[in-house]
Amino acid sequence: MRMNKPYVELDPAVIEQARQMDLLTYLKRYELSELVRVSSHVYCIREHDSLKISNGKWYWWSRGFGGVSALDYLIKVKEYDFVEAVEALTGSTAYAKPPPSVYKEAAPKPLYLPPKNKDCKRVMEYLFGRGIDYQLISECIAEGIIYESADYHNAVFTGRDKHGIPKYAACRSTLGSDFKRDAAGSDKRYSFRLVAEKPSTSVHLFESAIDLLSYATYLKSEGKDFKVENLLSLSGVYQPKKELKDSKIPVALSTFLRGNPQIKTIVLHLDNDKTGRLCTEALKELLQKEYKIVDAPPPVGKDFNDFLLSYLGMGQKKSHRERGDAR
């Protein structure tokens, strides 16, 4: 959930500068790892494969809307507010004026949880095939933080608030495609996590739920107790500003730190790619004055699931294209 910002005045020239950048240019410059070439003049987004980019325009076919500029994309798809989107594209900081009236926090959107399947057989098979410990999978399913959707048999990873109420859900295909998205109404403040059974002074960060589960499996395989650690997924990575010091802390992390003032050490397990490394540097810049920051990327492969599969001798995972699966 985003909070309403106070009234701000943006220079019209800055707004026009932001409107000039097309989505393909933006992705090549800032999110290259998310860009997938479909044909000579058509691209899609890795996270949303039905979002197609062609001839300077983009259209998200599964959601039924599109746009022209990167500004449209940040607002409609990434759900930035207008000021944040302009700042992200130009590096300019808006000048805030005193609010002309009292602003109230926007009411949270209700979370739409996909309907539960009668069992979790496909999710069990999928996660076990990714090297995740069987008992760990079973415990998460028993706790209700992982389940299988009845409609598309996706794996659903949920996050809850302090009262145990689901506030976030990430859906991931178990059927061979790269489909993944957050359920409608998801609040990233409550991303998927495994909280230490006893108070701990450290937290381990991951980009995704599967990377988190992979690290827990690795610790267990090494004879260590992962339940003494706080493991937090960031529900994907965020886009730092051009000046790292002007970036924002991911809302999942800032929320967790506010609720756990005993935390002294933050261990970063972000991916071994350009985006993951950039986010690591941004978080180090933002947090090193208040916390001990440990950069611990996966020793092998792009992410911690790659590392786990290598560690277990299962080989690195393959994309659906490499497997020859249909999209």
C-alpha atoms as a PDB file:
ATOM      1  CA  MET A   1       0.000   0.000   0.000  1.00  0.00           C
ATOM      2  CA  ARG A   2       1.357   3.412  -0.945  1.00  0.00           C
ATOM      3  CA  MET A   3       0.752   6.483   1.167  1.00  0.00           C
ATOM      4  CA  ASN A   4      -0.490   9.696  -0.395  1.00  0.00           C
ATOM      5  CA  LYS A   5       2.343  12.195  -0.755  1.00  0.00           C
ATOM      6  CA  PRO A   6       1.987  15.832   0.236  1.00  0.00           C
ATOM      7  CA  TYR A   7       1.232  18.271  -2.553  1.00  0.00           C
ATOM      8  CA  VAL A   8       4.314  18.883  -4.687  1.00  0.00           C
ATOM      9  CA  GLU A   9       5.177  21.180  -7.553  1.00  0.00           C
ATOM     10  CA  LEU A  10       7.218  19.740 -10.390  1.00  0.00           C
ATOM     11  CA  ASP A  11       8.990  21.790 -13.029  1.00  0.00           C
ATOM     12  CA  PRO A  12       7.040  21.272 -16.299  1.00  0.00           C
ATOM     13  CA  ALA A  13      10.362  20.791 -18.085  1.00  0.00           C
ATOM     14  CA  VAL A  14      11.198  17.900 -15.746  1.00  0.00           C
ATOM     15  CA  ILE A  15       7.802  16.310 -16.388  1.00  0.00           C
ATOM     16  CA  GLU A  16       8.294  16.626 -20.135  1.00  0.00           C
ATOM     17  CA  GLN A  17      11.743  15.050 -19.802  1.00  0.00           C
ATOM     18  CA  ALA A  18      10.190  12.069 -18.004  1.00  0.00           C
ATOM     19  CA  ARG A  19       7.485  11.685 -20.669  1.00  0.00           C
ATOM     20  CA  GLN A  20      10.076  11.489 -23.454  1.00  0.00           C
ATOM     21  CA  MET A  21      11.595   8.173 -22.340  1.00  0.00           C
ATOM     22  CA  ASP A  22      10.001   5.121 -23.988  1.00  0.00           C
ATOM     23  CA  LEU A  23       9.737   1.838 -22.122  1.00  0.00           C
ATOM     24  CA  LEU A  24      12.306  -0.046 -24.220  1.00  0.00           C
ATOM     25  CA  THR A  25      14.944   2.617 -23.538  1.00  0.00           C
ATOM     26  CA  TYR A  26      14.119   2.578 -19.820  1.00  0.00           C
ATOM     27  CA  LEU A  27      14.416  -1.204 -19.555  1.00  0.00           C
ATOM     28  CA  LYS A  28      17.692  -1.302 -21.498  1.00  0.00           C
ATOM     29  CA  ARG A  29      19.100   1.382 -19.221  1.00  0.00           C
ATOM     30  CA  TYR A  30      17.787   0.338 -15.804  1.00  0.00           C
ATOM     31  CA  GLU A  31      16.214  -3.167 -15.900  1.00  0.00           C
ATOM     32  CA  LEU A  32      18.056  -5.003 -18.652  1.00  0.00           C
ATOM     33  CA  SER A  33      17.681  -8.357 -16.891  1.00  0.00           C
ATOM     34  CA  GLU A  34      13.867  -7.992 -17.163  1.00  0.00           C
ATOM     35  CA  LEU A  35      13.931  -7.492 -20.956  1.00  0.00           C
ATOM     36  CA  VAL A  36      13.286 -10.509 -23.191  1.00  0.00           C
ATOM     37  CA  ARG A  37      13.425 -10.367 -27.011  1.00  0.00           C
ATOM     38  CA  VAL A  38      10.448 -12.175 -28.581  1.00  0.00           C
ATOM     39  CA  SER A  39      11.232 -11.343 -32.207  1.00  0.00           C
ATOM     40  CA  SER A  40      13.305  -8.822 -34.142  1.00  0.00           C
ATOM     41  CA  HIS A  41      11.095  -5.878 -33.128  1.00  0.00           C
ATOM     42  CA  VAL A  42       9.063  -7.248 -30.214  1.00  0.00           C
ATOM     43  CA  TYR A  43      10.078  -7.579 -26.568  1.00  0.00           C
ATOM     44  CA  CYS A  44       8.365  -8.669 -23.377  1.00  0.00           C
ATOM     45  CA  ILE A  45       8.999  -8.339 -19.639  1.00  0.00           C
ATOM     46  CA  ARG A  46      10.461 -11.364 -17.885  1.00  0.00           C
ATOM     47  CA  GLU A  47       8.163 -10.860 -14.901  1.00  0.00           C
ATOM     48  CA  HIS A  48       5.069 -10.271 -17.075  1.00  0.00           C
ATOM     49  CA  ASP A  49       5.479 -12.223 -20.301  1.00  0.00           C
ATOM     50  CA  SER A  50       2.155 -11.019 -21.723  1.00  0.00           C
ATOM     51  CA  LEU A  51       3.368  -7.412 -21.589  1.00  0.00           C
ATOM     52  CA  LYS A  52       4.635  -6.813 -25.133  1.00  0.00           C
ATOM     53  CA  ILE A  53       6.730  -3.877 -26.364  1.00  0.00           C
ATOM     54  CA  SER A  54       6.732  -2.940 -30.060  1.00  0.00           C
ATOM     55  CA  ASN A  55       7.054   0.180 -32.221  1.00  0.00           C
ATOM     56  CA  GLY A  56       7.543   2.502 -29.265  1.00  0.00           C
ATOM     57  CA  LYS A  57       4.402   1.304 -27.461  1.00  0.00           C
ATOM     58  CA  TRP A  58       3.596  -1.398 -24.925  1.00  0.00           C
ATOM     59  CA  TYR A  59       0.485  -3.399 -24.095  1.00  0.00           C
ATOM     60  CA  TRP A  60      -0.205  -5.794 -21.195  1.00  0.00           C
ATOM     61  CA  TRP A  61      -2.476  -8.305 -22.892  1.00  0.00           C
ATOM     62  CA  SER A  62      -3.416 -10.308 -19.798  1.00  0.00           C
ATOM     63  CA  ARG A  63      -4.564  -7.140 -18.013  1.00  0.00           C
ATOM     64  CA  GLY A  64      -6.066  -5.311 -20.991  1.00  0.00           C
ATOM     65  CA  PHE A  65      -4.225  -1.997 -20.896  1.00  0.00           C
ATOM     66  CA  GLY A  66      -1.083  -0.373 -22.232  1.00  0.00           C
ATOM     67  CA  GLY A  67       0.772   2.868 -22.820  1.00  0.00           C
ATOM     68  CA  VAL A  68       3.563   4.589 -24.660  1.00  0.00           C
ATOM     69  CA  SER A  69       6.149   5.922 -22.239  1.00  0.00           C
ATOM     70  CA  ALA A  70       8.205   4.499 -19.408  1.00  0.00           C
ATOM     71  CA  LEU A  71       6.264   6.936 -17.209  1.00  0.00           C
ATOM     72  CA  ASP A  72       3.027   5.108 -18.100  1.00  0.00           C
ATOM     73  CA  TYR A  73       4.707   1.793 -17.234  1.00  0.00           C
ATOM     74  CA  LEU A  74       5.952   2.912 -13.810  1.00  0.00           C
ATOM     75  CA  ILE A  75       2.544   4.300 -12.865  1.00  0.00           C
ATOM     76  CA  LYS A  76       0.262   1.600 -14.318  1.00  0.00           C
ATOM     77  CA  VAL A  77       2.389  -1.531 -13.826  1.00  0.00           C
ATOM     78  CA  LYS A  78       4.843  -0.708 -11.030  1.00  0.00           C
ATOM     79  CA  GLU A  79       2.173   1.351  -9.205  1.00  0.00           C
ATOM     80  CA  TYR A  80       4.456   4.336  -8.571  1.00  0.00           C
ATOM     81  CA  ASP A  81       2.669   7.573  -7.867  1.00  0.00           C
ATOM     82  CA  PHE A  82       3.243  10.331 -10.426  1.00  0.00           C
ATOM     83  CA  VAL A  83       5.956  12.160  -8.476  1.00  0.00           C
ATOM     84  CA  GLU A  84       7.909   8.974  -7.709  1.00  0.00           C
ATOM     85  CA  ALA A  85       7.769   7.956 -11.369  1.00  0.00           C
ATOM     86  CA  VAL A  86       9.052  11.334 -12.566  1.00  0.00           C
ATOM     87  CA  GLU A  87      11.846  11.276  -9.980  1.00  0.00           C
ATOM     88  CA  ALA A  88      12.850   7.729 -10.979  1.00  0.00           C
ATOM     89  CA  LEU A  89      13.145   8.712 -14.647  1.00  0.00           C
ATOM     90  CA  THR A  90      14.880  12.057 -14.225  1.00  0.00           C
ATOM     91  CA  GLY A  91      16.751  11.814 -10.936  1.00  0.00           C
ATOM     92  CA  SER A  92      15.089  15.085  -9.918  1.00  0.00           C
ATOM     93  CA  THR A  93      13.648  15.520  -6.450  1.00  0.00           C
ATOM     94  CA  ALA A  94      10.261  17.193  -6.243  1.00  0.00           C
ATOM     95  CA  TYR A  95       9.914  20.358  -4.204  1.00  0.00           C
ATOM     96  CA  ALA A  96       7.325  19.737  -1.510  1.00  0.00           C
ATOM     97  CA  LYS A  97       4.843  22.458  -0.527  1.00  0.00           C
ATOM     98  CA  PRO A  98       2.858  22.437   2.700  1.00  0.00           C
ATOM     99  CA  PRO A  99      -0.339  20.453   2.183  1.00  0.00           C
ATOM    100  CA  PRO A 100      -3.328  22.697   1.515  1.00  0.00           C
ATOM    101  CA  SER A 101      -5.551  20.411   3.572  1.00  0.00           C
ATOM    102  CA  VAL A 102      -5.323  17.388   5.819  1.00  0.00           C
ATOM    103  CA  TYR A 103      -4.384  14.231   3.911  1.00  0.00           C
ATOM    104  CA  LYS A 104      -5.481  10.844   5.097  1.00  0.00           C
ATOM    105  CA  GLU A 105      -3.721   7.578   4.398  1.00  0.00           C
ATOM    106  CA  ALA A 106      -5.372   5.742   1.547  1.00  0.00           C
ATOM    107  CA  ALA A 107      -7.532   2.827   2.615  1.00  0.00           C
ATOM    108  CA  PRO A 108      -5.772  -0.492   1.974  1.00  0.00           C
ATOM    109  CA  LYS A 109      -6.961  -2.517  -0.964  1.00  0.00           C
ATOM    110  CA  PRO A 110      -8.401  -5.913  -0.022  1.00  0.00           C
ATOM    111  CA  LEU A 111      -6.095  -8.832  -0.766  1.00  0.00           C
ATOM    112  CA  TYR A 112      -7.396 -11.257  -3.352  1.00  0.00           C
ATOM    113  CA  LEU A 113      -6.064 -14.681  -2.395  1.00  0.00           C
ATOM    114  CA  PRO A 114      -6.341 -17.282  -5.174  1.00  0.00           C
ATOM    115  CA  PRO A 115      -8.683 -20.118  -4.179  1.00  0.00           C
ATOM    116  CA  LYS A 116      -6.958 -23.052  -2.497  1.00  0.00           C
ATOM    117  CA  ASN A 117      -6.699 -26.402  -4.208  1.00  0.00           C
ATOM    118  CA  LYS A 118      -7.828 -29.502  -2.327  1.00  0.00           C
ATOM    119  CA  ASP A 119      -4.191 -30.581  -1.997  1.00  0.00           C
ATOM    120  CA  CYS A 120      -0.677 -29.264  -2.630  1.00  0.00           C
ATOM    121  CA  LYS A 121       0.782 -32.135  -4.628  1.00  0.00           C
ATOM    122  CA  ARG A 122       1.996 -30.056  -7.572  1.00  0.00           C
ATOM    123  CA  VAL A 123       3.512 -27.416  -5.312  1.00  0.00           C
ATOM    124  CA  MET A 124       5.270 -30.108  -3.278  1.00  0.00           C
ATOM    125  CA  GLU A 125       6.641 -31.682  -6.450  1.00  0.00           C
ATOM    126  CA  TYR A 126       7.665 -28.321  -7.903  1.00  0.00           C
ATOM    127  CA  LEU A 127       9.522 -27.067  -4.818  1.00  0.00           C
ATOM    128  CA  PHE A 128      11.132 -30.445  -4.131  1.00  0.00           C
ATOM    129  CA  GLY A 129      12.326 -30.412  -7.750  1.00  0.00           C
ATOM    130  CA  ARG A 130      13.945 -27.055  -7.023  1.00  0.00           C
ATOM    131  CA  GLY A 131      15.925 -28.703  -4.232  1.00  0.00           C
ATOM    132  CA  ILE A 132      13.850 -27.361  -1.332  1.00  0.00           C
ATOM    133  CA  ASP A 133      13.835 -29.581   1.770  1.00  0.00           C
ATOM    134  CA  TYR A 134      10.709 -31.766   1.904  1.00  0.00           C
ATOM    135  CA  GLN A 135      10.090 -31.262   5.616  1.00  0.00           C
ATOM    136  CA  LEU A 136      10.471 -27.492   5.228  1.00  0.00           C
ATOM    137  CA  ILE A 137       7.895 -27.487   2.412  1.00  0.00           C
ATOM    138  CA  SER A 138       5.522 -29.564   4.554  1.00  0.00           C
ATOM    139  CA  GLU A 139       5.880 -27.220   7.526  1.00  0.00           C
ATOM    140  CA  CYS A 140       5.177 -24.137   5.417  1.00  0.00           C
ATOM    141  CA  ILE A 141       2.090 -25.784   3.900  1.00  0.00           C
ATOM    142  CA  ALA A 142       0.876 -26.867   7.352  1.00  0.00           C
ATOM    143  CA  GLU A 143       1.327 -23.307   8.604  1.00  0.00           C
ATOM    144  CA  GLY A 144      -0.633 -22.021   5.609  1.00  0.00           C
ATOM    145  CA  ILE A 145       2.045 -19.677   4.284  1.00  0.00           C
ATOM    146  CA  ILE A 146       2.445 -21.788   1.117  1.00  0.00           C
ATOM    147  CA  TYR A 147      -0.396 -23.441  -0.776  1.00  0.00           C
ATOM    148  CA  GLU A 148      -1.516 -24.506  -4.266  1.00  0.00           C
ATOM    149  CA  SER A 149      -4.119 -22.465  -6.111  1.00  0.00           C
ATOM    150  CA  ALA A 150      -7.170 -24.274  -7.412  1.00  0.00           C
ATOM    151  CA  ASP A 151      -7.426 -22.290 -10.641  1.00  0.00           C
ATOM    152  CA  TYR A 152      -3.955 -22.558 -12.223  1.00  0.00           C
ATOM    153  CA  HIS A 153      -2.152 -24.768  -9.689  1.00  0.00           C
ATOM    154  CA  ASN A 154       0.313 -21.984  -8.967  1.00  0.00           C
ATOM    155  CA  ALA A 155       2.483 -21.991  -5.873  1.00  0.00           C
ATOM    156  CA  VAL A 156       1.215 -19.206  -3.605  1.00  0.00           C
ATOM    157  CA  PHE A 157       3.603 -17.711  -1.037  1.00  0.00           C
ATOM    158  CA  THR A 158       1.828 -15.538   1.536  1.00  0.00           C
ATOM    159  CA  GLY A 159       2.921 -12.911   4.031  1.00  0.00           C
ATOM    160  CA  ARG A 160       1.026 -11.984   7.176  1.00  0.00           C
ATOM    161  CA  ASP A 161       0.784  -9.031   9.519  1.00  0.00           C
ATOM    162  CA  LYS A 162       1.470  -9.177  13.270  1.00  0.00           C
ATOM    163  CA  HIS A 163      -2.049 -10.528  13.832  1.00  0.00           C
ATOM    164  CA  GLY A 164      -1.487 -13.436  11.447  1.00  0.00           C
ATOM    165  CA  ILE A 165      -3.800 -12.006   8.775  1.00  0.00           C
ATOM    166  CA  PRO A 166      -2.616 -12.560   5.168  1.00  0.00           C
ATOM    167  CA  LYS A 167      -1.649  -9.270   3.549  1.00  0.00           C
ATOM    168  CA  TYR A 168       0.551 -10.406   0.680  1.00  0.00           C
ATOM    169  CA  ALA A 169       0.624 -13.268  -1.817  1.00  0.00           C
ATOM    170  CA  ALA A 170       3.118 -14.076  -4.578  1.00  0.00           C
ATOM    171  CA  CYS A 171       2.004 -16.541  -7.247  1.00  0.00           C
ATOM    172  CA  ARG A 172       4.445 -18.638  -9.255  1.00  0.00           C
ATOM    173  CA  SER A 173       3.750 -21.214 -11.948  1.00  0.00           C
ATOM    174  CA  THR A 174       4.438 -24.876 -11.221  1.00  0.00           C
ATOM    175  CA  LEU A 175       3.689 -25.914 -14.793  1.00  0.00           C
ATOM    176  CA  GLY A 176       6.867 -25.033 -16.637  1.00  0.00           C
ATOM    177  CA  SER A 177       6.391 -21.354 -17.477  1.00  0.00           C
ATOM    178  CA  ASP A 178       8.101 -18.287 -16.042  1.00  0.00           C
ATOM    179  CA  PHE A 179       4.791 -16.846 -14.839  1.00  0.00           C
ATOM    180  CA  LYS A 180       5.006 -14.986 -11.548  1.00  0.00           C
ATOM    181  CA  ARG A 181       3.045 -12.097 -10.109  1.00  0.00           C
ATOM    182  CA  ASP A 182       1.691 -10.680  -6.882  1.00  0.00           C
ATOM    183  CA  ALA A 183      -1.972 -11.282  -6.101  1.00  0.00           C
ATOM    184  CA  ALA A 184      -4.218  -8.237  -6.441  1.00  0.00           C
ATOM    185  CA  GLY A 185      -4.196  -6.116  -3.307  1.00  0.00           C
ATOM    186  CA  SER A 186      -0.842  -7.445  -2.084  1.00  0.00           C
ATOM    187  CA  ASP A 187       0.901  -5.222   0.459  1.00  0.00           C
ATOM    188  CA  LYS A 188       4.663  -5.576   0.018  1.00  0.00           C
ATOM    189  CA  ARG A 189       5.231  -4.487   3.609  1.00  0.00           C
ATOM    190  CA  TYR A 190       4.292  -8.045   4.578  1.00  0.00           C
ATOM    191  CA  SER A 191       6.294 -10.091   2.090  1.00  0.00           C
ATOM    192  CA  PHE A 192       6.995 -13.804   2.527  1.00  0.00           C
ATOM    193  CA  ARG A 193       9.270 -14.485   5.521  1.00  0.00           C
ATOM    194  CA  LEU A 194      10.376 -17.039   8.074  1.00  0.00           C
ATOM    195  CA  VAL A 195      10.803 -15.382  11.464  1.00  0.00           C
ATOM    196  CA  ALA A 196      13.249 -16.666  14.072  1.00  0.00           C
ATOM    197  CA  GLU A 197      11.648 -18.679  16.871  1.00  0.00           C
ATOM    198  CA  LYS A 198      13.546 -16.573  19.422  1.00  0.00           C
ATOM    199  CA  PRO A 199      14.541 -12.884  19.094  1.00  0.00           C
ATOM    200  CA  SER A 200      17.557 -12.537  16.805  1.00  0.00           C
ATOM    201  CA  THR A 201      19.752  -9.508  16.148  1.00  0.00           C
ATOM    202  CA  SER A 202      20.167 -10.242  12.430  1.00  0.00           C
ATOM    203  CA  VAL A 203      18.013 -10.540   9.322  1.00  0.00           C
ATOM    204  CA  HIS A 204      18.859 -12.232   5.992  1.00  0.00           C
ATOM    205  CA  LEU A 205      17.456 -10.679   2.800  1.00  0.00           C
ATOM    206  CA  PHE A 206      16.493 -12.415  -0.455  1.00  0.00           C
ATOM    207  CA  GLU A 207      14.847 -11.283  -3.660  1.00  0.00           C
ATOM    208  CA  SER A 208      12.293 -14.109  -3.765  1.00  0.00           C
ATOM    209  CA  ALA A 209      10.554 -16.681  -1.593  1.00  0.00           C
ATOM    210  CA  ILE A 210      12.281 -19.557  -3.412  1.00  0.00           C
ATOM    211  CA  ASP A 211      15.722 -18.060  -2.764  1.00  0.00           C
ATOM    212  CA  LEU A 212      14.772 -17.740   0.913  1.00  0.00           C
ATOM    213  CA  LEU A 213      13.654 -21.376   1.083  1.00  0.00           C
ATOM    214  CA  SER A 214      16.808 -22.423  -0.763  1.00  0.00           C
ATOM    215  CA  TYR A 215      18.993 -20.743   1.857  1.00  0.00           C
ATOM    216  CA  ALA A 216      17.019 -22.375   4.690  1.00  0.00           C
ATOM    217  CA  THR A 217      17.495 -25.750   2.974  1.00  0.00           C
ATOM    218  CA  TYR A 218      21.227 -25.096   2.600  1.00  0.00           C
ATOM    219  CA  LEU A 219      21.571 -24.272   6.307  1.00  0.00           C
ATOM    220  CA  LYS A 220      19.685 -27.446   7.211  1.00  0.00           C
ATOM    221  CA  SER A 221      21.897 -29.509   4.895  1.00  0.00           C
ATOM    222  CA  GLU A 222      24.923 -28.073   6.709  1.00  0.00           C
ATOM    223  CA  GLY A 223      23.511 -29.218  10.043  1.00  0.00           C
ATOM    224  CA  LYS A 224      22.540 -25.677  11.083  1.00  0.00           C
ATOM    225  CA  ASP A 225      19.206 -24.537  12.490  1.00  0.00           C
ATOM    226  CA  PHE A 226      17.594 -22.031  10.111  1.00  0.00           C
ATOM    227  CA  LYS A 227      14.861 -21.397  12.683  1.00  0.00           C
ATOM    228  CA  VAL A 228      17.223 -19.223  14.729  1.00  0.00           C
ATOM    229  CA  GLU A 229      17.453 -16.778  11.797  1.00  0.00           C
ATOM    230  CA  ASN A 230      15.122 -14.110  10.424  1.00  0.00           C
ATOM    231  CA  LEU A 231      14.715 -14.750   6.685  1.00  0.00           C
ATOM    232  CA  LEU A 232      12.960 -12.044   4.675  1.00  0.00           C
ATOM    233  CA  SER A 233      12.131 -11.882   0.964  1.00  0.00           C
ATOM    234  CA  LEU A 234      11.834  -8.487  -0.709  1.00  0.00           C
ATOM    235  CA  SER A 235       9.217  -9.589  -3.256  1.00  0.00           C
ATOM    236  CA  GLY A 236      11.623  -8.782  -6.050  1.00  0.00           C
ATOM    237  CA  VAL A 237      14.196  -6.009  -6.191  1.00  0.00           C
ATOM    238  CA  TYR A 238      13.571  -2.319  -6.452  1.00  0.00           C
ATOM    239  CA  GLN A 239      15.062   0.298  -8.764  1.00  0.00           C
ATOM    240  CA  PRO A 240      17.609   2.506  -6.979  1.00  0.00           C
ATOM    241  CA  LYS A 241      17.981   6.147  -7.963  1.00  0.00           C
ATOM    242  CA  LYS A 242      20.906   7.293 -10.109  1.00  0.00           C
ATOM    243  CA  GLU A 243      22.433   8.682  -6.924  1.00  0.00           C
ATOM    244  CA  LEU A 244      22.351   5.674  -4.598  1.00  0.00           C
ATOM    245  CA  LYS A 245      22.114   7.859  -1.510  1.00  0.00           C
ATOM    246  CA  ASP A 246      18.761   9.179  -2.787  1.00  0.00           C
ATOM    247  CA  SER A 247      17.253   5.690  -3.082  1.00  0.00           C
ATOM    248  CA  LYS A 248      14.606   4.310  -0.769  1.00  0.00           C
ATOM    249  CA  ILE A 249      14.812   1.280   1.474  1.00  0.00           C
ATOM    250  CA  PRO A 250      12.460  -1.488   0.206  1.00  0.00           C
ATOM    251  CA  VAL A 251       9.204  -1.253   2.122  1.00  0.00           C
ATOM    252  CA  ALA A 252       9.351  -4.913   3.234  1.00  0.00           C
ATOM    253  CA  LEU A 253      12.705  -4.265   4.895  1.00  0.00           C
ATOM    254  CA  SER A 254      11.854  -0.891   6.441  1.00  0.00           C
ATOM    255  CA  THR A 255       8.652  -2.355   7.912  1.00  0.00           C
ATOM    256  CA  PHE A 256      10.528  -5.329   9.367  1.00  0.00           C
ATOM    257  CA  LEU A 257      13.238  -3.126  10.892  1.00  0.00           C
ATOM    258  CA  ARG A 258      10.660  -0.851  12.543  1.00  0.00           C
ATOM    259  CA  GLY A 259       8.967  -3.872  14.080  1.00  0.00           C
ATOM    260  CA  ASN A 260      12.251  -5.439  15.205  1.00  0.00           C
ATOM    261  CA  PRO A 261      14.417  -2.715  16.776  1.00  0.00           C
ATOM    262  CA  GLN A 262      16.811  -5.358  18.121  1.00  0.00           C
ATOM    263  CA  ILE A 263      18.228  -5.964  14.622  1.00  0.00           C
ATOM    264  CA  LYS A 264      21.910  -4.998  14.385  1.00  0.00           C
ATOM    265  CA  THR A 265      23.095  -6.960  11.330  1.00  0.00           C
ATOM    266  CA  ILE A 266      21.612  -7.192   7.831  1.00  0.00           C
ATOM    267  CA  VAL A 267      22.904  -9.941   5.564  1.00  0.00           C
ATOM    268  CA  LEU A 268      22.324  -9.356   1.856  1.00  0.00           C
ATOM    269  CA  HIS A 269      21.852 -12.468  -0.308  1.00  0.00           C
ATOM    270  CA  LEU A 270      20.770 -10.684  -3.492  1.00  0.00           C
ATOM    271  CA  ASP A 271      21.344 -12.069  -6.972  1.00  0.00           C
ATOM    272  CA  ASN A 272      24.627 -12.198  -8.868  1.00  0.00           C
ATOM    273  CA  ASP A 273      23.388 -10.028 -11.727  1.00  0.00           C
ATOM    274  CA  LYS A 274      23.572  -6.331 -12.543  1.00  0.00           C
ATOM    275  CA  THR A 275      20.291  -5.533 -10.819  1.00  0.00           C
ATOM    276  CA  GLY A 276      21.090  -7.524  -7.693  1.00  0.00           C
ATOM    277  CA  ARG A 277      24.552  -5.992  -7.363  1.00  0.00           C
ATOM    278  CA  LEU A 278      23.201  -2.471  -7.865  1.00  0.00           C
ATOM    279  CA  CYS A 279      20.554  -3.002  -5.192  1.00  0.00           C
ATOM    280  CA  THR A 280      23.184  -4.396  -2.846  1.00  0.00           C
ATOM    281  CA  GLU A 281      25.304  -1.276  -3.266  1.00  0.00           C
ATOM    282  CA  ALA A 282      22.267   0.944  -2.699  1.00  0.00           C
ATOM    283  CA  LEU A 283      21.306  -0.856   0.517  1.00  0.00           C
ATOM    284  CA  LYS A 284      24.866  -0.694   1.795  1.00  0.00           C
ATOM    285  CA  GLU A 285      24.901   3.045   1.110  1.00  0.00           C
ATOM    286  CA  LEU A 286      21.572   3.586   2.873  1.00  0.00           C
ATOM    287  CA  LEU A 287      21.998   1.319   5.891  1.00  0.00           C
ATOM    288  CA  GLN A 288      25.683   1.081   6.785  1.00  0.00           C
ATOM    289  CA  LYS A 289      25.554   3.945   9.296  1.00  0.00           C
ATOM    290  CA  GLU A 290      22.951   2.222  11.470  1.00  0.00           C
ATOM    291  CA  TYR A 291      23.582  -1.472  10.828  1.00  0.00           C
ATOM    292  CA  LYS A 292      26.361  -3.907  10.179  1.00  0.00           C
ATOM    293  CA  ILE A 293      25.936  -4.887   6.526  1.00  0.00           C
ATOM    294  CA  VAL A 294      27.196  -8.241   5.261  1.00  0.00           C
ATOM    295  CA  ASP A 295      27.245  -8.834   1.502  1.00  0.00           C
ATOM    296  CA  ALA A 296      26.818 -12.592   1.004  1.00  0.00           C
ATOM    297  CA  PRO A 297      25.641 -13.318  -2.543  1.00  0.00           C
ATOM    298  CA  PRO A 298      25.238 -16.917  -3.726  1.00  0.00           C
ATOM    299  CA  PRO A 299      28.708 -18.485  -4.179  1.00  0.00           C
ATOM    300  CA  VAL A 300      27.608 -20.181  -7.422  1.00  0.00           C
ATOM    301  CA  GLY A 301      25.018 -19.224 -10.036  1.00  0.00           C
ATOM    302  CA  LYS A 302      22.707 -16.261 -10.419  1.00  0.00           C
ATOM    303  CA  ASP A 303      20.624 -16.768  -7.280  1.00  0.00           C
ATOM    304  CA  PHE A 304      20.470 -18.926  -4.162  1.00  0.00           C
ATOM    305  CA  ASN A 305      18.351 -21.558  -5.845  1.00  0.00           C
ATOM    306  CA  ASP A 306      21.049 -21.964  -8.513  1.00  0.00           C
ATOM    307  CA  PHE A 307      23.581 -22.355  -5.712  1.00  0.00           C
ATOM    308  CA  LEU A 308      21.447 -24.889  -3.837  1.00  0.00           C
ATOM    309  CA  LEU A 309      20.969 -27.051  -6.925  1.00  0.00           C
ATOM    310  CA  SER A 310      24.711 -26.979  -7.546  1.00  0.00           C
ATOM    311  CA  TYR A 311      25.417 -27.750  -3.885  1.00  0.00           C
ATOM    312  CA  LEU A 312      23.038 -30.734  -4.006  1.00  0.00           C
ATOM    313  CA  GLY A 313      24.486 -31.943  -7.319  1.00  0.00           C
ATOM    314  CA  MET A 314      21.178 -31.400  -9.116  1.00  0.00           C
ATOM    315  CA  GLY A 315      22.525 -28.946 -11.726  1.00  0.00           C
ATOM    316  CA  GLN A 316      21.262 -25.404 -12.244  1.00  0.00           C
ATOM    317  CA  LYS A 317      17.605 -24.838 -13.062  1.00  0.00           C
ATOM    318  CA  LYS A 318      16.612 -24.203 -16.657  1.00  0.00           C
ATOM    319  CA  SER A 319      14.163 -21.707 -18.046  1.00  0.00           C
ATOM    320  CA  HIS A 320      11.063 -22.911 -19.852  1.00  0.00           C
ATOM    321  CA  ARG A 321      12.710 -21.991 -23.172  1.00  0.00           C
ATOM    322  CA  GLU A 322      15.687 -24.239 -22.418  1.00  0.00           C
ATOM    323  CA  ARG A 323      13.315 -27.028 -21.445  1.00  0.00           C
ATOM    324  CA  GLY A 324      11.235 -26.499 -24.565  1.00  0.00           C
ATOM    325  CA  ASP A 325       8.059 -25.815 -22.558  1.00  0.00           C
ATOM    326  CA  ALA A 326       5.250 -23.773 -24.047  1.00  0.00           C
ATOM    327  CA  ARG A 327       4.698 -20.338 -22.640  1.00  0.00           C
END
